[in-house]
C-alpha atoms as a PDB file:
ATOM      1  CA  MET A   1     -22.524  32.423  74.604  1.00  0.00           C
ATOM      2  CA  GLU A   2     -21.820  34.910  77.406  1.00  0.00           C
ATOM      3  CA  THR A   3     -18.308  35.398  78.782  1.00  0.00           C
ATOM      4  CA  SER A   4     -17.509  37.476  81.860  1.00  0.00           C
ATOM      5  CA  ILE A   5     -14.032  38.786  82.584  1.00  0.00           C
ATOM      6  CA  ILE A   6     -12.751  40.704  85.604  1.00  0.00           C
ATOM      7  CA  ILE A   7      -9.528  42.686  85.312  1.00  0.00           C
ATOM      8  CA  SER A   8      -8.306  43.721  88.749  1.00  0.00           C
ATOM      9  CA  GLY A   9      -5.298  45.435  90.286  1.00  0.00           C
ATOM     10  CA  PHE A  10      -4.074  48.649  91.861  1.00  0.00           C
ATOM     11  CA  GLY A  11      -5.138  51.969  90.402  1.00  0.00           C
ATOM     12  CA  GLY A  12      -2.562  52.981  87.805  1.00  0.00           C
ATOM     13  CA  GLN A  13      -1.962  49.429  86.532  1.00  0.00           C
ATOM     14  CA  GLY A  14      -4.275  49.923  83.564  1.00  0.00           C
ATOM     15  CA  THR A  15      -7.120  47.659  84.671  1.00  0.00           C
ATOM     16  CA  LEU A  16      -9.761  50.089  83.443  1.00  0.00           C
ATOM     17  CA  PHE A  17      -7.915  50.716  80.179  1.00  0.00           C
ATOM     18  CA  ALA A  18      -7.485  46.996  79.440  1.00  0.00           C
ATOM     19  CA  GLY A  19     -11.190  46.432  80.059  1.00  0.00           C
ATOM     20  CA  GLN A  20     -12.141  49.352  77.863  1.00  0.00           C
ATOM     21  CA  VAL A  21      -9.940  48.120  75.004  1.00  0.00           C
ATOM     22  CA  LEU A  22     -11.471  44.644  75.291  1.00  0.00           C
ATOM     23  CA  ALA A  23     -14.975  46.144  75.296  1.00  0.00           C
ATOM     24  CA  TYR A  24     -14.264  48.253  72.196  1.00  0.00           C
ATOM     25  CA  ALA A  25     -12.864  45.198  70.414  1.00  0.00           C
ATOM     26  CA  ALA A  26     -15.937  43.138  71.272  1.00  0.00           C
ATOM     27  CA  LEU A  27     -18.213  45.910  69.986  1.00  0.00           C
ATOM     28  CA  ASP A  28     -16.158  46.118  66.798  1.00  0.00           C
ATOM     29  CA  ALA A  29     -16.583  42.331  66.441  1.00  0.00           C
ATOM     30  CA  GLY A  30     -20.373  42.742  66.559  1.00  0.00           C
ATOM     31  CA  LYS A  31     -20.834  41.393  70.088  1.00  0.00           C
ATOM     32  CA  HIS A  32     -23.066  42.676  72.859  1.00  0.00           C
ATOM     33  CA  VAL A  33     -20.879  44.170  75.585  1.00  0.00           C
ATOM     34  CA  THR A  34     -20.978  45.712  79.025  1.00  0.00           C
ATOM     35  CA  TRP A  35     -17.978  47.399  80.620  1.00  0.00           C
ATOM     36  CA  ILE A  36     -18.221  48.430  84.245  1.00  0.00           C
ATOM     37  CA  PRO A  37     -15.212  50.241  85.727  1.00  0.00           C
ATOM     38  CA  SER A  38     -14.847  50.366  89.492  1.00  0.00           C
ATOM     39  CA  TYR A  39     -12.210  52.070  91.581  1.00  0.00           C
ATOM     40  CA  GLY A  40     -11.665  53.300  95.109  1.00  0.00           C
ATOM     41  CA  PRO A  41     -11.401  56.971  96.030  1.00  0.00           C
ATOM     42  CA  GLU A  42      -7.610  56.788  95.989  1.00  0.00           C
ATOM     43  CA  MET A  43      -7.467  56.040  92.236  1.00  0.00           C
ATOM     44  CA  ARG A  44      -3.710  55.544  91.662  1.00  0.00           C
ATOM     45  CA  GLY A  45      -2.620  52.985  94.239  1.00  0.00           C
ATOM     46  CA  GLY A  46      -6.158  52.091  95.347  1.00  0.00           C
ATOM     47  CA  THR A  47      -8.079  49.079  94.103  1.00  0.00           C
ATOM     48  CA  ALA A  48      -9.373  49.224  90.533  1.00  0.00           C
ATOM     49  CA  ARG A  49     -11.426  46.717  88.581  1.00  0.00           C
ATOM     50  CA  SER A  50     -13.075  46.375  85.187  1.00  0.00           C
ATOM     51  CA  THR A  51     -15.877  43.928  84.597  1.00  0.00           C
ATOM     52  CA  VAL A  52     -16.408  43.099  80.927  1.00  0.00           C
ATOM     53  CA  ILE A  53     -19.215  40.856  79.716  1.00  0.00           C
ATOM     54  CA  ILE A  54     -19.208  39.771  76.079  1.00  0.00           C
ATOM     55  CA  SER A  55     -22.129  37.946  74.514  1.00  0.00           C
ATOM     56  CA  ASP A  56     -23.642  36.908  71.210  1.00  0.00           C
ATOM     57  CA  GLU A  57     -27.039  37.909  72.610  1.00  0.00           C
ATOM     58  CA  GLU A  58     -28.359  40.738  74.759  1.00  0.00           C
ATOM     59  CA  ILE A  59     -26.873  40.838  78.243  1.00  0.00           C
ATOM     60  CA  GLY A  60     -29.353  40.556  81.101  1.00  0.00           C
ATOM     61  CA  SER A  61     -27.121  42.022  83.816  1.00  0.00           C
ATOM     62  CA  PRO A  62     -23.851  43.948  83.613  1.00  0.00           C
ATOM     63  CA  LEU A  63     -22.655  42.310  86.839  1.00  0.00           C
ATOM     64  CA  THR A  64     -21.145  38.908  87.464  1.00  0.00           C
ATOM     65  CA  ARG A  65     -20.598  36.979  90.656  1.00  0.00           C
ATOM     66  CA  ARG A  66     -18.710  34.075  89.080  1.00  0.00           C
ATOM     67  CA  PRO A  67     -16.514  35.321  86.235  1.00  0.00           C
ATOM     68  CA  TYR A  68     -15.237  32.957  83.595  1.00  0.00           C
ATOM     69  CA  ALA A  69     -11.854  34.691  83.562  1.00  0.00           C
ATOM     70  CA  VAL A  70      -9.847  36.928  85.876  1.00  0.00           C
ATOM     71  CA  MET A  71      -6.747  38.939  85.083  1.00  0.00           C
ATOM     72  CA  ALA A  72      -5.122  39.545  88.488  1.00  0.00           C
ATOM     73  CA  LEU A  73      -2.457  42.228  88.367  1.00  0.00           C
ATOM     74  CA  ASN A  74      -1.660  42.018  92.092  1.00  0.00           C
ATOM     75  CA  LEU A  75      -1.948  39.692  95.098  1.00  0.00           C
ATOM     76  CA  PRO A  76      -5.082  41.297  96.623  1.00  0.00           C
ATOM     77  CA  SER A  77      -6.856  40.637  93.307  1.00  0.00           C
ATOM     78  CA  LEU A  78      -5.848  36.973  93.289  1.00  0.00           C
ATOM     79  CA  ASP A  79      -6.931  36.681  96.922  1.00  0.00           C
ATOM     80  CA  LYS A  80     -10.310  38.276  96.174  1.00  0.00           C
ATOM     81  CA  TYR A  81     -11.218  36.433  92.970  1.00  0.00           C
ATOM     82  CA  GLU A  82      -9.503  33.060  93.323  1.00  0.00           C
ATOM     83  CA  ASN A  83     -12.593  31.350  94.739  1.00  0.00           C
ATOM     84  CA  LEU A  84     -15.041  33.202  92.488  1.00  0.00           C
ATOM     85  CA  VAL A  85     -13.724  32.055  89.098  1.00  0.00           C
ATOM     86  CA  LYS A  86     -16.050  29.521  87.513  1.00  0.00           C
ATOM     87  CA  GLN A  87     -14.981  25.895  87.459  1.00  0.00           C
ATOM     88  CA  ASP A  88     -12.958  25.322  84.273  1.00  0.00           C
ATOM     89  CA  GLY A  89     -12.463  29.084  84.113  1.00  0.00           C
ATOM     90  CA  LEU A  90      -9.249  30.974  83.604  1.00  0.00           C
ATOM     91  CA  MET A  91      -6.892  32.923  85.886  1.00  0.00           C
ATOM     92  CA  ILE A  92      -4.149  35.025  84.320  1.00  0.00           C
ATOM     93  CA  ALA A  93      -1.917  36.306  87.128  1.00  0.00           C
ATOM     94  CA  ASN A  94       0.951  38.787  87.254  1.00  0.00           C
ATOM     95  CA  SER A  95       3.618  36.760  89.053  1.00  0.00           C
ATOM     96  CA  SER A  96       5.765  39.891  89.372  1.00  0.00           C
ATOM     97  CA  LEU A  97       3.445  41.013  92.186  1.00  0.00           C
ATOM     98  CA  ILE A  98       1.896  37.681  93.193  1.00  0.00           C
ATOM     99  CA  ASN A  99       4.051  35.396  95.305  1.00  0.00           C
ATOM    100  CA  ARG A 100       1.844  32.311  95.355  1.00  0.00           C
ATOM    101  CA  GLU A 101      -0.182  30.067  93.089  1.00  0.00           C
ATOM    102  CA  MET A 102      -3.866  29.298  93.320  1.00  0.00           C
ATOM    103  CA  ALA A 103      -4.961  26.515  95.640  1.00  0.00           C
ATOM    104  CA  ARG A 104      -7.707  25.516  93.196  1.00  0.00           C
ATOM    105  CA  THR A 105      -6.964  22.937  90.540  1.00  0.00           C
ATOM    106  CA  ASP A 106     -10.274  23.209  88.657  1.00  0.00           C
ATOM    107  CA  VAL A 107      -9.257  26.502  87.015  1.00  0.00           C
ATOM    108  CA  ARG A 108      -6.651  26.953  84.282  1.00  0.00           C
ATOM    109  CA  ALA A 109      -4.049  29.284  85.777  1.00  0.00           C
ATOM    110  CA  PHE A 110      -1.109  31.023  84.118  1.00  0.00           C
ATOM    111  CA  TYR A 111       1.499  33.025  86.013  1.00  0.00           C
ATOM    112  CA  ILE A 112       3.298  35.636  83.957  1.00  0.00           C
ATOM    113  CA  PRO A 113       6.165  37.885  85.153  1.00  0.00           C
ATOM    114  CA  ALA A 114       4.392  40.777  83.475  1.00  0.00           C
ATOM    115  CA  VAL A 115       6.234  43.685  85.095  1.00  0.00           C
ATOM    116  CA  GLU A 116       9.669  42.289  84.207  1.00  0.00           C
ATOM    117  CA  MET A 117       8.525  41.500  80.675  1.00  0.00           C
ATOM    118  CA  ALA A 118       7.018  44.989  80.323  1.00  0.00           C
ATOM    119  CA  GLU A 119      10.278  46.549  81.539  1.00  0.00           C
ATOM    120  CA  GLU A 120      12.110  44.616  78.802  1.00  0.00           C
ATOM    121  CA  ILE A 121       9.807  46.290  76.282  1.00  0.00           C
ATOM    122  CA  GLY A 122      10.541  49.661  77.854  1.00  0.00           C
ATOM    123  CA  ASN A 123       7.527  50.481  80.031  1.00  0.00           C
ATOM    124  CA  PRO A 124       6.484  48.635  83.221  1.00  0.00           C
ATOM    125  CA  ARG A 125       2.945  49.964  82.777  1.00  0.00           C
ATOM    126  CA  LEU A 126       2.433  47.524  79.879  1.00  0.00           C
ATOM    127  CA  ALA A 127       1.807  44.611  82.267  1.00  0.00           C
ATOM    128  CA  ASN A 128      -1.926  44.965  81.604  1.00  0.00           C
ATOM    129  CA  MET A 129      -1.450  44.450  77.858  1.00  0.00           C
ATOM    130  CA  LEU A 130       0.843  41.461  78.462  1.00  0.00           C
ATOM    131  CA  LEU A 131      -1.875  39.794  80.518  1.00  0.00           C
ATOM    132  CA  LEU A 132      -4.565  40.716  77.980  1.00  0.00           C
ATOM    133  CA  GLY A 133      -2.508  39.128  75.201  1.00  0.00           C
ATOM    134  CA  ALA A 134      -2.084  36.030  77.357  1.00  0.00           C
ATOM    135  CA  LEU A 135      -5.801  35.795  78.125  1.00  0.00           C
ATOM    136  CA  LEU A 136      -6.807  36.083  74.479  1.00  0.00           C
ATOM    137  CA  THR A 137      -4.196  33.535  73.417  1.00  0.00           C
ATOM    138  CA  VAL A 138      -5.387  30.930  75.920  1.00  0.00           C
ATOM    139  CA  ASP A 139      -9.012  31.602  74.946  1.00  0.00           C
ATOM    140  CA  PRO A 140      -9.558  33.801  71.881  1.00  0.00           C
ATOM    141  CA  ILE A 141     -12.845  35.243  73.154  1.00  0.00           C
ATOM    142  CA  ILE A 142     -12.066  38.084  70.751  1.00  0.00           C
ATOM    143  CA  PRO A 143      -9.250  37.628  68.198  1.00  0.00           C
ATOM    144  CA  LEU A 144      -6.068  39.430  69.236  1.00  0.00           C
ATOM    145  CA  ASP A 145      -5.924  41.200  65.862  1.00  0.00           C
ATOM    146  CA  THR A 146      -9.384  42.656  66.544  1.00  0.00           C
ATOM    147  CA  VAL A 147      -8.161  43.935  69.922  1.00  0.00           C
ATOM    148  CA  LYS A 148      -5.111  45.526  68.309  1.00  0.00           C
ATOM    149  CA  LYS A 149      -7.311  47.182  65.695  1.00  0.00           C
ATOM    150  CA  ALA A 150      -9.646  48.497  68.411  1.00  0.00           C
ATOM    151  CA  LEU A 151      -6.680  49.867  70.346  1.00  0.00           C
ATOM    152  CA  ASP A 152      -5.399  51.581  67.207  1.00  0.00           C
ATOM    153  CA  GLU A 153      -8.820  53.118  66.523  1.00  0.00           C
ATOM    154  CA  HIS A 154      -9.664  54.195  70.068  1.00  0.00           C
ATOM    155  CA  ILE A 155      -6.377  55.175  71.714  1.00  0.00           C
ATOM    156  CA  PRO A 156      -6.155  58.888  72.536  1.00  0.00           C
ATOM    157  CA  GLU A 157      -3.960  60.847  70.143  1.00  0.00           C
ATOM    158  CA  ARG A 158      -1.493  61.749  72.900  1.00  0.00           C
ATOM    159  CA  HIS A 159      -0.782  58.022  73.455  1.00  0.00           C
ATOM    160  CA  ARG A 160      -0.487  56.914  69.821  1.00  0.00           C
ATOM    161  CA  LYS A 161       3.297  56.696  70.121  1.00  0.00           C
ATOM    162  CA  THR A 162       2.831  53.799  72.571  1.00  0.00           C
ATOM    163  CA  LEU A 163       0.931  51.621  70.065  1.00  0.00           C
ATOM    164  CA  PRO A 164       3.956  49.562  68.940  1.00  0.00           C
ATOM    165  CA  MET A 165       4.881  48.820  72.568  1.00  0.00           C
ATOM    166  CA  ASN A 166       1.277  47.857  73.391  1.00  0.00           C
ATOM    167  CA  PHE A 167       1.162  45.501  70.407  1.00  0.00           C
ATOM    168  CA  GLU A 168       4.517  43.985  71.385  1.00  0.00           C
ATOM    169  CA  ALA A 169       3.287  43.499  74.956  1.00  0.00           C
ATOM    170  CA  MET A 170       0.171  41.644  73.768  1.00  0.00           C
ATOM    171  CA  ASP A 171       2.289  39.476  71.470  1.00  0.00           C
ATOM    172  CA  ARG A 172       4.807  38.666  74.206  1.00  0.00           C
ATOM    173  CA  GLY A 173       2.057  37.776  76.669  1.00  0.00           C
ATOM    174  CA  GLY A 174       0.548  35.480  74.059  1.00  0.00           C
ATOM    175  CA  ALA A 175       3.900  33.869  73.259  1.00  0.00           C
ATOM    176  CA  PHE A 176       4.584  33.301  76.967  1.00  0.00           C
ATOM    177  CA  VAL A 177       1.378  31.327  77.512  1.00  0.00           C
ATOM    178  CA  GLN A 178       1.762  29.441  74.224  1.00  0.00           C
ATOM    179  CA  GLU A 179       5.112  28.211  75.494  1.00  0.00           C
ATOM    180  CA  ALA A 180       3.592  27.370  78.895  1.00  0.00           C
ATOM    181  CA  MET A 181       0.738  25.428  77.238  1.00  0.00           C
ATOM    182  CA  ALA A 182       3.210  23.489  75.075  1.00  0.00           C
ATOM    183  CA  GLU A 183       5.067  22.408  78.230  1.00  0.00           C
ATOM    184  CA  LYS A 184       1.894  21.120  79.951  1.00  0.00           C
END
């Protein structure tokens, strides 16, 4: 089975990092993976996107027009990808920066106040890990423990002190959507 995920937001929100962590985890799980980062010339503050494709078999193309899942960290990302998500796909949206819900009803959508939750942990830049934890709780494409292990193994030494906060962010994102799913 092939699963395509787009992680999109402003530069500096960790879209590329979240995609890279997911790609490493998929590789560590023995999957075939492509990870394509894309960002505008502005970098921080400009548009940034990661496309990750995970498959049990070789991947024919590293690009996707209709992703199964989208993590939208800001409103322009929701606007851009809302109509591209596959039917019965998944939208994980950062409601801290998105002031509306999707018009589509054929996609599972979860709205998470990721910036506020990340600030509670101590770093607003953890919104990406909150959404990643949410995504992998709704659909464990790769087990969350495998993602945490990949993060531990691949994080640069200068950022190792942030590991506990990253793990907490993933757990809180997962707990948030578990509660939301229980209410549905």
